[in-house]
Amino acid sequence: HRSTTTAVIRDVPGLTRSDYEAALRASFDAQGWCPCCCVQPVSEVVD
């Protein structure tokens, strides 16, 4: 839940779209963000 000004592109073996969405949803939940209205829907962010 911190930030950085650089990111790198990586192929992550075994990571599915469902896993990716669950990770982002868990991040929002942990920070107390409402995933339906505080930001765009999680599925759209993942896409």
PDB file of all heavy atoms in Angstrom:
ATOM      1  N   HIS A   1       0.833  -1.210   0.000  1.00  0.00           N
ATOM      2  CA  HIS A   1       0.000   0.000   0.000  1.00  0.00           C
ATOM      3  C   HIS A   1       0.866   1.258   0.000  1.00  0.00           C
ATOM      4  O   HIS A   1       0.450   2.314   0.452  1.00  0.00           O
ATOM      5  CB  HIS A   1      -0.991   0.007   1.168  1.00  0.00           C
ATOM      6  CG  HIS A   1      -1.704  -1.291   1.334  1.00  0.00           C
ATOM      7  ND1 HIS A   1      -2.554  -1.790   0.385  1.00  0.00           N
ATOM      8  CD2 HIS A   1      -1.652  -2.208   2.322  1.00  0.00           C
ATOM      9  CE1 HIS A   1      -3.013  -2.960   0.787  1.00  0.00           C
ATOM     10  NE2 HIS A   1      -2.478  -3.239   1.948  1.00  0.00           N
ATOM     11  N   ARG A   2       2.059   1.123  -0.521  1.00  0.00           N
ATOM     12  CA  ARG A   2       2.998   2.241  -0.668  1.00  0.00           C
ATOM     13  C   ARG A   2       3.111   2.542  -2.156  1.00  0.00           C
ATOM     14  O   ARG A   2       2.400   1.952  -2.959  1.00  0.00           O
ATOM     15  CB  ARG A   2       4.359   1.857  -0.073  1.00  0.00           C
ATOM     16  CG  ARG A   2       4.353   1.370   1.364  1.00  0.00           C
ATOM     17  CD  ARG A   2       4.123   2.439   2.407  1.00  0.00           C
ATOM     18  NE  ARG A   2       4.960   3.588   2.261  1.00  0.00           N
ATOM     19  CZ  ARG A   2       5.978   3.908   3.039  1.00  0.00           C
ATOM     20  NH1 ARG A   2       6.325   3.147   4.035  1.00  0.00           N
ATOM     21  NH2 ARG A   2       6.669   5.009   2.809  1.00  0.00           N
ATOM     22  N   SER A   3       4.023   3.414  -2.539  1.00  0.00           N
ATOM     23  CA  SER A   3       4.114   3.766  -3.955  1.00  0.00           C
ATOM     24  C   SER A   3       5.555   3.881  -4.425  1.00  0.00           C
ATOM     25  O   SER A   3       6.489   3.984  -3.635  1.00  0.00           O
ATOM     26  CB  SER A   3       3.352   5.062  -4.237  1.00  0.00           C
ATOM     27  OG  SER A   3       3.823   6.102  -3.420  1.00  0.00           O
ATOM     28  N   THR A   4       5.684   3.856  -5.763  1.00  0.00           N
ATOM     29  CA  THR A   4       6.974   3.942  -6.434  1.00  0.00           C
ATOM     30  C   THR A   4       6.780   4.667  -7.759  1.00  0.00           C
ATOM     31  O   THR A   4       5.687   4.634  -8.322  1.00  0.00           O
ATOM     32  CB  THR A   4       7.570   2.545  -6.683  1.00  0.00           C
ATOM     33  OG1 THR A   4       8.849   2.682  -7.310  1.00  0.00           O
ATOM     34  CG2 THR A   4       6.681   1.673  -7.557  1.00  0.00           C
ATOM     35  N   THR A   5       7.818   5.307  -8.234  1.00  0.00           N
ATOM     36  CA  THR A   5       7.722   6.000  -9.520  1.00  0.00           C
ATOM     37  C   THR A   5       8.199   5.139 -10.684  1.00  0.00           C
ATOM     38  O   THR A   5       8.207   5.605 -11.823  1.00  0.00           O
ATOM     39  CB  THR A   5       8.515   7.324  -9.491  1.00  0.00           C
ATOM     40  OG1 THR A   5       9.834   7.071  -9.034  1.00  0.00           O
ATOM     41  CG2 THR A   5       7.830   8.344  -8.590  1.00  0.00           C
ATOM     42  N   THR A   6       8.580   3.896 -10.413  1.00  0.00           N
ATOM     43  CA  THR A   6       8.974   2.996 -11.494  1.00  0.00           C
ATOM     44  C   THR A   6       8.325   1.626 -11.313  1.00  0.00           C
ATOM     45  O   THR A   6       8.150   1.138 -10.207  1.00  0.00           O
ATOM     46  CB  THR A   6      10.505   2.803 -11.567  1.00  0.00           C
ATOM     47  OG1 THR A   6      10.989   2.372 -10.294  1.00  0.00           O
ATOM     48  CG2 THR A   6      11.202   4.073 -11.998  1.00  0.00           C
ATOM     49  N   ALA A   7       7.978   1.034 -12.440  1.00  0.00           N
ATOM     50  CA  ALA A   7       7.454  -0.331 -12.476  1.00  0.00           C
ATOM     51  C   ALA A   7       8.122  -1.034 -13.644  1.00  0.00           C
ATOM     52  O   ALA A   7       8.580  -0.387 -14.590  1.00  0.00           O
ATOM     53  CB  ALA A   7       5.942  -0.325 -12.645  1.00  0.00           C
ATOM     54  N   VAL A   8       8.179  -2.345 -13.563  1.00  0.00           N
ATOM     55  CA  VAL A   8       8.769  -3.124 -14.645  1.00  0.00           C
ATOM     56  C   VAL A   8       7.731  -4.131 -15.131  1.00  0.00           C
ATOM     57  O   VAL A   8       6.895  -4.604 -14.357  1.00  0.00           O
ATOM     58  CB  VAL A   8      10.083  -3.822 -14.196  1.00  0.00           C
ATOM     59  CG1 VAL A   8       9.830  -4.871 -13.127  1.00  0.00           C
ATOM     60  CG2 VAL A   8      10.837  -4.418 -15.374  1.00  0.00           C
ATOM     61  N   ILE A   9       7.786  -4.432 -16.417  1.00  0.00           N
ATOM     62  CA  ILE A   9       6.883  -5.412 -17.010  1.00  0.00           C
ATOM     63  C   ILE A   9       7.470  -6.794 -16.819  1.00  0.00           C
ATOM     64  O   ILE A   9       8.621  -7.049 -17.196  1.00  0.00           O
ATOM     65  CB  ILE A   9       6.681  -5.137 -18.523  1.00  0.00           C
ATOM     66  CG1 ILE A   9       6.201  -3.714 -18.775  1.00  0.00           C
ATOM     67  CG2 ILE A   9       5.749  -6.184 -19.135  1.00  0.00           C
ATOM     68  CD1 ILE A   9       4.880  -3.349 -18.152  1.00  0.00           C
ATOM     69  N   ARG A  10       6.660  -7.689 -16.228  1.00  0.00           N
ATOM     70  CA  ARG A  10       7.094  -9.064 -16.006  1.00  0.00           C
ATOM     71  C   ARG A  10       6.002 -10.037 -16.410  1.00  0.00           C
ATOM     72  O   ARG A  10       4.825  -9.791 -16.183  1.00  0.00           O
ATOM     73  CB  ARG A  10       7.423  -9.302 -14.522  1.00  0.00           C
ATOM     74  CG  ARG A  10       8.706  -8.673 -14.086  1.00  0.00           C
ATOM     75  CD  ARG A  10       9.887  -9.402 -14.730  1.00  0.00           C
ATOM     76  NE  ARG A  10      11.115  -8.705 -14.493  1.00  0.00           N
ATOM     77  CZ  ARG A  10      11.980  -8.367 -15.435  1.00  0.00           C
ATOM     78  NH1 ARG A  10      11.759  -8.670 -16.701  1.00  0.00           N
ATOM     79  NH2 ARG A  10      13.085  -7.743 -15.140  1.00  0.00           N
ATOM     80  N   ASP A  11       6.405 -11.154 -17.011  1.00  0.00           N
ATOM     81  CA  ASP A  11       5.523 -12.297 -17.225  1.00  0.00           C
ATOM     82  C   ASP A  11       5.550 -13.087 -15.933  1.00  0.00           C
ATOM     83  O   ASP A  11       6.633 -13.496 -15.487  1.00  0.00           O
ATOM     84  CB  ASP A  11       6.039 -13.183 -18.357  1.00  0.00           C
ATOM     85  CG  ASP A  11       5.438 -12.822 -19.697  1.00  0.00           C
ATOM     86  OD1 ASP A  11       4.271 -12.444 -19.757  1.00  0.00           O
ATOM     87  OD2 ASP A  11       6.175 -12.948 -20.696  1.00  0.00           O
ATOM     88  N   VAL A  12       4.407 -13.283 -15.326  1.00  0.00           N
ATOM     89  CA  VAL A  12       4.344 -14.007 -14.055  1.00  0.00           C
ATOM     90  C   VAL A  12       3.734 -15.380 -14.317  1.00  0.00           C
ATOM     91  O   VAL A  12       2.527 -15.488 -14.576  1.00  0.00           O
ATOM     92  CB  VAL A  12       3.528 -13.225 -13.006  1.00  0.00           C
ATOM     93  CG1 VAL A  12       3.428 -14.016 -11.714  1.00  0.00           C
ATOM     94  CG2 VAL A  12       4.160 -11.857 -12.754  1.00  0.00           C
ATOM     95  N   PRO A  13       4.550 -16.435 -14.255  1.00  0.00           N
ATOM     96  CA  PRO A  13       4.041 -17.786 -14.509  1.00  0.00           C
ATOM     97  C   PRO A  13       2.945 -18.155 -13.503  1.00  0.00           C
ATOM     98  O   PRO A  13       3.061 -17.896 -12.311  1.00  0.00           O
ATOM     99  CB  PRO A  13       5.269 -18.685 -14.306  1.00  0.00           C
ATOM    100  CG  PRO A  13       6.443 -17.775 -14.427  1.00  0.00           C
ATOM    101  CD  PRO A  13       5.981 -16.430 -13.953  1.00  0.00           C
ATOM    102  N   GLY A  14       1.860 -18.719 -14.017  1.00  0.00           N
ATOM    103  CA  GLY A  14       0.787 -19.211 -13.169  1.00  0.00           C
ATOM    104  C   GLY A  14      -0.212 -18.158 -12.717  1.00  0.00           C
ATOM    105  O   GLY A  14      -1.254 -18.505 -12.159  1.00  0.00           O
ATOM    106  N   LEU A  15       0.076 -16.885 -12.923  1.00  0.00           N
ATOM    107  CA  LEU A  15      -0.866 -15.836 -12.523  1.00  0.00           C
ATOM    108  C   LEU A  15      -2.024 -15.809 -13.508  1.00  0.00           C
ATOM    109  O   LEU A  15      -1.816 -15.701 -14.712  1.00  0.00           O
ATOM    110  CB  LEU A  15      -0.185 -14.469 -12.487  1.00  0.00           C
ATOM    111  CG  LEU A  15      -1.073 -13.301 -12.049  1.00  0.00           C
ATOM    112  CD1 LEU A  15      -1.431 -13.415 -10.571  1.00  0.00           C
ATOM    113  CD2 LEU A  15      -0.380 -11.972 -12.320  1.00  0.00           C
ATOM    114  N   THR A  16      -3.229 -15.915 -12.976  1.00  0.00           N
ATOM    115  CA  THR A  16      -4.424 -15.845 -13.826  1.00  0.00           C
ATOM    116  C   THR A  16      -5.089 -14.488 -13.655  1.00  0.00           C
ATOM    117  O   THR A  16      -4.810 -13.763 -12.699  1.00  0.00           O
ATOM    118  CB  THR A  16      -5.438 -16.939 -13.446  1.00  0.00           C
ATOM    119  OG1 THR A  16      -5.927 -16.672 -12.120  1.00  0.00           O
ATOM    120  CG2 THR A  16      -4.811 -18.333 -13.514  1.00  0.00           C
ATOM    121  N   ARG A  17      -5.994 -14.194 -14.561  1.00  0.00           N
ATOM    122  CA  ARG A  17      -6.749 -12.953 -14.447  1.00  0.00           C
ATOM    123  C   ARG A  17      -7.533 -12.935 -13.142  1.00  0.00           C
ATOM    124  O   ARG A  17      -7.633 -11.921 -12.467  1.00  0.00           O
ATOM    125  CB  ARG A  17      -7.683 -12.790 -15.639  1.00  0.00           C
ATOM    126  CG  ARG A  17      -8.270 -11.392 -15.678  1.00  0.00           C
ATOM    127  CD  ARG A  17      -9.506 -11.289 -16.571  1.00  0.00           C
ATOM    128  NE  ARG A  17     -10.041  -9.959 -16.465  1.00  0.00           N
ATOM    129  CZ  ARG A  17     -10.658  -9.498 -15.386  1.00  0.00           C
ATOM    130  NH1 ARG A  17     -10.823 -10.244 -14.322  1.00  0.00           N
ATOM    131  NH2 ARG A  17     -11.119  -8.255 -15.353  1.00  0.00           N
ATOM    132  N   SER A  18      -8.073 -14.075 -12.781  1.00  0.00           N
ATOM    133  CA  SER A  18      -8.832 -14.194 -11.531  1.00  0.00           C
ATOM    134  C   SER A  18      -7.941 -13.909 -10.310  1.00  0.00           C
ATOM    135  O   SER A  18      -8.361 -13.220  -9.374  1.00  0.00           O
ATOM    136  CB  SER A  18      -9.439 -15.598 -11.436  1.00  0.00           C
ATOM    137  OG  SER A  18     -10.142 -15.749 -10.242  1.00  0.00           O
ATOM    138  N   ASP A  19      -6.707 -14.428 -10.330  1.00  0.00           N
ATOM    139  CA  ASP A  19      -5.747 -14.159  -9.247  1.00  0.00           C
ATOM    140  C   ASP A  19      -5.438 -12.669  -9.166  1.00  0.00           C
ATOM    141  O   ASP A  19      -5.351 -12.094  -8.076  1.00  0.00           O
ATOM    142  CB  ASP A  19      -4.416 -14.894  -9.481  1.00  0.00           C
ATOM    143  CG  ASP A  19      -4.529 -16.390  -9.464  1.00  0.00           C
ATOM    144  OD1 ASP A  19      -5.460 -16.931  -8.832  1.00  0.00           O
ATOM    145  OD2 ASP A  19      -3.667 -17.037 -10.101  1.00  0.00           O
ATOM    146  N   TYR A  20      -5.235 -12.072 -10.325  1.00  0.00           N
ATOM    147  CA  TYR A  20      -4.896 -10.653 -10.418  1.00  0.00           C
ATOM    148  C   TYR A  20      -6.024  -9.803  -9.824  1.00  0.00           C
ATOM    149  O   TYR A  20      -5.802  -8.893  -9.029  1.00  0.00           O
ATOM    150  CB  TYR A  20      -4.668 -10.319 -11.889  1.00  0.00           C
ATOM    151  CG  TYR A  20      -3.811  -9.129 -12.219  1.00  0.00           C
ATOM    152  CD1 TYR A  20      -3.012  -8.498 -11.282  1.00  0.00           C
ATOM    153  CD2 TYR A  20      -3.801  -8.643 -13.518  1.00  0.00           C
ATOM    154  CE1 TYR A  20      -2.221  -7.403 -11.638  1.00  0.00           C
ATOM    155  CE2 TYR A  20      -3.022  -7.551 -13.879  1.00  0.00           C
ATOM    156  CZ  TYR A  20      -2.239  -6.942 -12.926  1.00  0.00           C
ATOM    157  OH  TYR A  20      -1.467  -5.873 -13.281  1.00  0.00           O
ATOM    158  N   GLU A  21      -7.250 -10.135 -10.205  1.00  0.00           N
ATOM    159  CA  GLU A  21      -8.404  -9.405  -9.693  1.00  0.00           C
ATOM    160  C   GLU A  21      -8.539  -9.612  -8.183  1.00  0.00           C
ATOM    161  O   GLU A  21      -8.823  -8.661  -7.441  1.00  0.00           O
ATOM    162  CB  GLU A  21      -9.677  -9.844 -10.412  1.00  0.00           C
ATOM    163  CG  GLU A  21     -10.872  -9.001 -10.058  1.00  0.00           C
ATOM    164  CD  GLU A  21     -12.086  -9.255 -10.934  1.00  0.00           C
ATOM    165  OE1 GLU A  21     -11.930  -9.645 -12.110  1.00  0.00           O
ATOM    166  OE2 GLU A  21     -13.199  -9.048 -10.422  1.00  0.00           O
ATOM    167  N   ALA A  22      -8.320 -10.835  -7.707  1.00  0.00           N
ATOM    168  CA  ALA A  22      -8.400 -11.101  -6.265  1.00  0.00           C
ATOM    169  C   ALA A  22      -7.346 -10.312  -5.496  1.00  0.00           C
ATOM    170  O   ALA A  22      -7.613  -9.809  -4.397  1.00  0.00           O
ATOM    171  CB  ALA A  22      -8.242 -12.604  -6.006  1.00  0.00           C
ATOM    172  N   ALA A  23      -6.157 -10.178  -6.065  1.00  0.00           N
ATOM    173  CA  ALA A  23      -5.087  -9.415  -5.405  1.00  0.00           C
ATOM    174  C   ALA A  23      -5.459  -7.942  -5.293  1.00  0.00           C
ATOM    175  O   ALA A  23      -5.265  -7.317  -4.241  1.00  0.00           O
ATOM    176  CB  ALA A  23      -3.774  -9.575  -6.170  1.00  0.00           C
ATOM    177  N   LEU A  24      -6.011  -7.376  -6.356  1.00  0.00           N
ATOM    178  CA  LEU A  24      -6.391  -5.967  -6.316  1.00  0.00           C
ATOM    179  C   LEU A  24      -7.572  -5.755  -5.371  1.00  0.00           C
ATOM    180  O   LEU A  24      -7.593  -4.808  -4.589  1.00  0.00           O
ATOM    181  CB  LEU A  24      -6.713  -5.448  -7.718  1.00  0.00           C
ATOM    182  CG  LEU A  24      -6.995  -3.951  -7.810  1.00  0.00           C
ATOM    183  CD1 LEU A  24      -5.824  -3.113  -7.284  1.00  0.00           C
ATOM    184  CD2 LEU A  24      -7.308  -3.559  -9.248  1.00  0.00           C
ATOM    185  N   ARG A  25      -8.536  -6.663  -5.406  1.00  0.00           N
ATOM    186  CA  ARG A  25      -9.692  -6.561  -4.509  1.00  0.00           C
ATOM    187  C   ARG A  25      -9.230  -6.653  -3.049  1.00  0.00           C
ATOM    188  O   ARG A  25      -9.681  -5.883  -2.192  1.00  0.00           O
ATOM    189  CB  ARG A  25     -10.711  -7.647  -4.826  1.00  0.00           C
ATOM    190  CG  ARG A  25     -12.026  -7.475  -4.071  1.00  0.00           C
ATOM    191  CD  ARG A  25     -13.082  -8.471  -4.538  1.00  0.00           C
ATOM    192  NE  ARG A  25     -13.287  -8.490  -5.968  1.00  0.00           N
ATOM    193  CZ  ARG A  25     -14.017  -7.612  -6.649  1.00  0.00           C
ATOM    194  NH1 ARG A  25     -14.584  -6.606  -6.007  1.00  0.00           N
ATOM    195  NH2 ARG A  25     -14.164  -7.714  -7.949  1.00  0.00           N
ATOM    196  N   ALA A  26      -8.311  -7.559  -2.761  1.00  0.00           N
ATOM    197  CA  ALA A  26      -7.785  -7.701  -1.397  1.00  0.00           C
ATOM    198  C   ALA A  26      -7.052  -6.435  -0.959  1.00  0.00           C
ATOM    199  O   ALA A  26      -7.137  -6.025   0.203  1.00  0.00           O
ATOM    200  CB  ALA A  26      -6.865  -8.913  -1.310  1.00  0.00           C
ATOM    201  N   SER A  27      -6.337  -5.807  -1.895  1.00  0.00           N
ATOM    202  CA  SER A  27      -5.638  -4.562  -1.589  1.00  0.00           C
ATOM    203  C   SER A  27      -6.641  -3.468  -1.225  1.00  0.00           C
ATOM    204  O   SER A  27      -6.465  -2.754  -0.234  1.00  0.00           O
ATOM    205  CB  SER A  27      -4.788  -4.123  -2.780  1.00  0.00           C
ATOM    206  OG  SER A  27      -4.112  -2.927  -2.511  1.00  0.00           O
ATOM    207  N   PHE A  28      -7.687  -3.348  -2.033  1.00  0.00           N
ATOM    208  CA  PHE A  28      -8.722  -2.349  -1.739  1.00  0.00           C
ATOM    209  C   PHE A  28      -9.386  -2.632  -0.399  1.00  0.00           C
ATOM    210  O   PHE A  28      -9.606  -1.724   0.397  1.00  0.00           O
ATOM    211  CB  PHE A  28      -9.774  -2.319  -2.848  1.00  0.00           C
ATOM    212  CG  PHE A  28      -9.322  -1.709  -4.147  1.00  0.00           C
ATOM    213  CD1 PHE A  28     -10.165  -1.701  -5.231  1.00  0.00           C
ATOM    214  CD2 PHE A  28      -8.055  -1.152  -4.301  1.00  0.00           C
ATOM    215  CE1 PHE A  28      -9.784  -1.139  -6.446  1.00  0.00           C
ATOM    216  CE2 PHE A  28      -7.651  -0.587  -5.504  1.00  0.00           C
ATOM    217  CZ  PHE A  28      -8.525  -0.583  -6.573  1.00  0.00           C
ATOM    218  N   ASP A  29      -9.720  -3.901  -0.148  1.00  0.00           N
ATOM    219  CA  ASP A  29     -10.358  -4.282   1.117  1.00  0.00           C
ATOM    220  C   ASP A  29      -9.472  -3.938   2.306  1.00  0.00           C
ATOM    221  O   ASP A  29      -9.939  -3.398   3.304  1.00  0.00           O
ATOM    222  CB  ASP A  29     -10.684  -5.782   1.133  1.00  0.00           C
ATOM    223  CG  ASP A  29     -11.830  -6.160   0.204  1.00  0.00           C
ATOM    224  OD1 ASP A  29     -12.555  -5.263  -0.293  1.00  0.00           O
ATOM    225  OD2 ASP A  29     -12.001  -7.377  -0.034  1.00  0.00           O
ATOM    226  N   ALA A  30      -8.181  -4.239   2.188  1.00  0.00           N
ATOM    227  CA  ALA A  30      -7.233  -3.983   3.285  1.00  0.00           C
ATOM    228  C   ALA A  30      -7.108  -2.495   3.590  1.00  0.00           C
ATOM    229  O   ALA A  30      -6.833  -2.102   4.729  1.00  0.00           O
ATOM    230  CB  ALA A  30      -5.865  -4.566   2.949  1.00  0.00           C
ATOM    231  N   GLN A  31      -7.315  -1.668   2.578  1.00  0.00           N
ATOM    232  CA  GLN A  31      -7.208  -0.221   2.762  1.00  0.00           C
ATOM    233  C   GLN A  31      -8.552   0.426   3.097  1.00  0.00           C
ATOM    234  O   GLN A  31      -8.626   1.640   3.283  1.00  0.00           O
ATOM    235  CB  GLN A  31      -6.624   0.417   1.490  1.00  0.00           C
ATOM    236  CG  GLN A  31      -5.199  -0.037   1.227  1.00  0.00           C
ATOM    237  CD  GLN A  31      -4.674   0.529  -0.061  1.00  0.00           C
ATOM    238  OE1 GLN A  31      -4.249   1.673  -0.095  1.00  0.00           O
ATOM    239  NE2 GLN A  31      -4.708  -0.264  -1.133  1.00  0.00           N
ATOM    240  N   GLY A  32      -9.615  -0.392   3.144  1.00  0.00           N
ATOM    241  CA  GLY A  32     -10.928   0.129   3.474  1.00  0.00           C
ATOM    242  C   GLY A  32     -11.604   0.877   2.340  1.00  0.00           C
ATOM    243  O   GLY A  32     -12.486   1.697   2.565  1.00  0.00           O
ATOM    244  N   TRP A  33     -11.194   0.595   1.098  1.00  0.00           N
ATOM    245  CA  TRP A  33     -11.794   1.257  -0.052  1.00  0.00           C
ATOM    246  C   TRP A  33     -13.004   0.465  -0.519  1.00  0.00           C
ATOM    247  O   TRP A  33     -12.979  -0.756  -0.556  1.00  0.00           O
ATOM    248  CB  TRP A  33     -10.812   1.345  -1.210  1.00  0.00           C
ATOM    249  CG  TRP A  33      -9.674   2.275  -0.978  1.00  0.00           C
ATOM    250  CD1 TRP A  33      -9.329   2.889   0.187  1.00  0.00           C
ATOM    251  CD2 TRP A  33      -8.715   2.688  -1.934  1.00  0.00           C
ATOM    252  NE1 TRP A  33      -8.209   3.661   0.003  1.00  0.00           N
ATOM    253  CE2 TRP A  33      -7.820   3.549  -1.295  1.00  0.00           C
ATOM    254  CE3 TRP A  33      -8.533   2.411  -3.271  1.00  0.00           C
ATOM    255  CZ2 TRP A  33      -6.748   4.138  -1.952  1.00  0.00           C
ATOM    256  CZ3 TRP A  33      -7.472   2.992  -3.926  1.00  0.00           C
ATOM    257  CH2 TRP A  33      -6.592   3.850  -3.265  1.00  0.00           C
ATOM    258  N   CYS A  34     -14.027   1.160  -0.893  1.00  0.00           N
ATOM    259  CA  CYS A  34     -15.211   0.527  -1.453  1.00  0.00           C
ATOM    260  C   CYS A  34     -14.923   0.225  -2.923  1.00  0.00           C
ATOM    261  O   CYS A  34     -14.753   1.157  -3.715  1.00  0.00           O
ATOM    262  CB  CYS A  34     -16.400   1.465  -1.319  1.00  0.00           C
ATOM    263  SG  CYS A  34     -17.863   0.878  -2.166  1.00  0.00           S
ATOM    264  N   PRO A  35     -14.823  -1.038  -3.316  1.00  0.00           N
ATOM    265  CA  PRO A  35     -14.458  -1.362  -4.701  1.00  0.00           C
ATOM    266  C   PRO A  35     -15.540  -1.048  -5.726  1.00  0.00           C
ATOM    267  O   PRO A  35     -15.315  -1.161  -6.906  1.00  0.00           O
ATOM    268  CB  PRO A  35     -14.166  -2.862  -4.653  1.00  0.00           C
ATOM    269  CG  PRO A  35     -14.955  -3.357  -3.494  1.00  0.00           C
ATOM    270  CD  PRO A  35     -15.004  -2.221  -2.496  1.00  0.00           C
ATOM    271  N   CYS A  36     -16.717  -0.597  -5.263  1.00  0.00           N
ATOM    272  CA  CYS A  36     -17.787  -0.320  -6.230  1.00  0.00           C
ATOM    273  C   CYS A  36     -17.912   1.164  -6.563  1.00  0.00           C
ATOM    274  O   CYS A  36     -18.476   1.510  -7.583  1.00  0.00           O
ATOM    275  CB  CYS A  36     -19.114  -0.844  -5.714  1.00  0.00           C
ATOM    276  SG  CYS A  36     -19.634  -0.082  -4.174  1.00  0.00           S
ATOM    277  N   CYS A  37     -17.375   2.052  -5.703  1.00  0.00           N
ATOM    278  CA  CYS A  37     -17.586   3.467  -6.008  1.00  0.00           C
ATOM    279  C   CYS A  37     -16.384   4.365  -5.704  1.00  0.00           C
ATOM    280  O   CYS A  37     -16.333   5.480  -6.199  1.00  0.00           O
ATOM    281  CB  CYS A  37     -18.808   3.991  -5.265  1.00  0.00           C
ATOM    282  SG  CYS A  37     -18.672   3.906  -3.475  1.00  0.00           S
ATOM    283  N   CYS A  38     -15.442   3.922  -4.909  1.00  0.00           N
ATOM    284  CA  CYS A  38     -14.283   4.772  -4.596  1.00  0.00           C
ATOM    285  C   CYS A  38     -13.338   4.876  -5.786  1.00  0.00           C
ATOM    286  O   CYS A  38     -12.651   5.870  -5.954  1.00  0.00           O
ATOM    287  CB  CYS A  38     -13.522   4.229  -3.389  1.00  0.00           C
ATOM    288  SG  CYS A  38     -14.484   4.313  -1.873  1.00  0.00           S
ATOM    289  N   VAL A  39     -13.261   3.833  -6.540  1.00  0.00           N
ATOM    290  CA  VAL A  39     -12.489   3.802  -7.788  1.00  0.00           C
ATOM    291  C   VAL A  39     -13.370   3.083  -8.797  1.00  0.00           C
ATOM    292  O   VAL A  39     -14.430   2.577  -8.449  1.00  0.00           O
ATOM    293  CB  VAL A  39     -11.132   3.058  -7.624  1.00  0.00           C
ATOM    294  CG1 VAL A  39     -10.223   3.815  -6.683  1.00  0.00           C
ATOM    295  CG2 VAL A  39     -11.331   1.643  -7.153  1.00  0.00           C
ATOM    296  N   GLN A  40     -12.934   3.013 -10.035  1.00  0.00           N
ATOM    297  CA  GLN A  40     -13.734   2.270 -11.003  1.00  0.00           C
ATOM    298  C   GLN A  40     -13.779   0.810 -10.573  1.00  0.00           C
ATOM    299  O   GLN A  40     -12.962   0.366  -9.764  1.00  0.00           O
ATOM    300  CB  GLN A  40     -13.170   2.461 -12.403  1.00  0.00           C
ATOM    301  CG  GLN A  40     -11.837   1.789 -12.641  1.00  0.00           C
ATOM    302  CD  GLN A  40     -11.217   2.197 -13.952  1.00  0.00           C
ATOM    303  OE1 GLN A  40     -10.399   3.078 -13.975  1.00  0.00           O
ATOM    304  NE2 GLN A  40     -11.597   1.558 -15.031  1.00  0.00           N
ATOM    305  N   PRO A  41     -14.730   0.026 -11.078  1.00  0.00           N
ATOM    306  CA  PRO A  41     -14.826  -1.380 -10.668  1.00  0.00           C
ATOM    307  C   PRO A  41     -13.500  -2.122 -10.831  1.00  0.00           C
ATOM    308  O   PRO A  41     -12.763  -1.899 -11.793  1.00  0.00           O
ATOM    309  CB  PRO A  41     -15.899  -1.944 -11.602  1.00  0.00           C
ATOM    310  CG  PRO A  41     -16.739  -0.753 -11.951  1.00  0.00           C
ATOM    311  CD  PRO A  41     -15.771   0.407 -12.025  1.00  0.00           C
ATOM    312  N   VAL A  42     -13.218  -2.994  -9.888  1.00  0.00           N
ATOM    313  CA  VAL A  42     -11.959  -3.741  -9.868  1.00  0.00           C
ATOM    314  C   VAL A  42     -11.730  -4.474 -11.187  1.00  0.00           C
ATOM    315  O   VAL A  42     -10.625  -4.456 -11.720  1.00  0.00           O
ATOM    316  CB  VAL A  42     -11.932  -4.723  -8.673  1.00  0.00           C
ATOM    317  CG1 VAL A  42     -10.724  -5.642  -8.742  1.00  0.00           C
ATOM    318  CG2 VAL A  42     -11.950  -3.956  -7.355  1.00  0.00           C
ATOM    319  N   SER A  43     -12.760  -5.094 -11.724  1.00  0.00           N
ATOM    320  CA  SER A  43     -12.593  -5.842 -12.978  1.00  0.00           C
ATOM    321  C   SER A  43     -12.122  -4.930 -14.111  1.00  0.00           C
ATOM    322  O   SER A  43     -11.303  -5.333 -14.935  1.00  0.00           O
ATOM    323  CB  SER A  43     -13.891  -6.548 -13.363  1.00  0.00           C
ATOM    324  OG  SER A  43     -14.925  -5.603 -13.572  1.00  0.00           O
ATOM    325  N   GLU A  44     -12.607  -3.686 -14.145  1.00  0.00           N
ATOM    326  CA  GLU A  44     -12.178  -2.738 -15.176  1.00  0.00           C
ATOM    327  C   GLU A  44     -10.730  -2.302 -14.964  1.00  0.00           C
ATOM    328  O   GLU A  44      -9.980  -2.150 -15.929  1.00  0.00           O
ATOM    329  CB  GLU A  44     -13.087  -1.511 -15.190  1.00  0.00           C
ATOM    330  CG  GLU A  44     -14.474  -1.790 -15.708  1.00  0.00           C
ATOM    331  CD  GLU A  44     -15.364  -0.553 -15.680  1.00  0.00           C
ATOM    332  OE1 GLU A  44     -14.847   0.575 -15.553  1.00  0.00           O
ATOM    333  OE2 GLU A  44     -16.601  -0.730 -15.781  1.00  0.00           O
ATOM    334  N   VAL A  45     -10.342  -2.095 -13.720  1.00  0.00           N
ATOM    335  CA  VAL A  45      -8.954  -1.717 -13.418  1.00  0.00           C
ATOM    336  C   VAL A  45      -8.021  -2.836 -13.872  1.00  0.00           C
ATOM    337  O   VAL A  45      -6.992  -2.584 -14.504  1.00  0.00           O
ATOM    338  CB  VAL A  45      -8.759  -1.408 -11.918  1.00  0.00           C
ATOM    339  CG1 VAL A  45      -7.293  -1.138 -11.604  1.00  0.00           C
ATOM    340  CG2 VAL A  45      -9.621  -0.236 -11.486  1.00  0.00           C
ATOM    341  N   VAL A  46      -8.381  -4.075 -13.571  1.00  0.00           N
ATOM    342  CA  VAL A  46      -7.552  -5.223 -13.970  1.00  0.00           C
ATOM    343  C   VAL A  46      -7.462  -5.315 -15.484  1.00  0.00           C
ATOM    344  O   VAL A  46      -6.373  -5.529 -16.031  1.00  0.00           O
ATOM    345  CB  VAL A  46      -8.086  -6.530 -13.341  1.00  0.00           C
ATOM    346  CG1 VAL A  46      -7.405  -7.750 -13.942  1.00  0.00           C
ATOM    347  CG2 VAL A  46      -7.886  -6.498 -11.829  1.00  0.00           C
ATOM    348  N   ASP A  47      -8.578  -5.142 -16.173  1.00  0.00           N
ATOM    349  CA  ASP A  47      -8.551  -5.170 -17.644  1.00  0.00           C
ATOM    350  C   ASP A  47      -7.595  -4.109 -18.183  1.00  0.00           C
ATOM    351  O   ASP A  47      -6.823  -4.370 -19.115  1.00  0.00           O
ATOM    352  CB  ASP A  47      -9.951  -4.944 -18.227  1.00  0.00           C
ATOM    353  CG  ASP A  47     -10.878  -6.125 -18.030  1.00  0.00           C
ATOM    354  OD1 ASP A  47     -10.394  -7.249 -17.761  1.00  0.00           O
ATOM    355  OD2 ASP A  47     -12.114  -5.923 -18.139  1.00  0.00           O
TER     356      ASP A  47
END
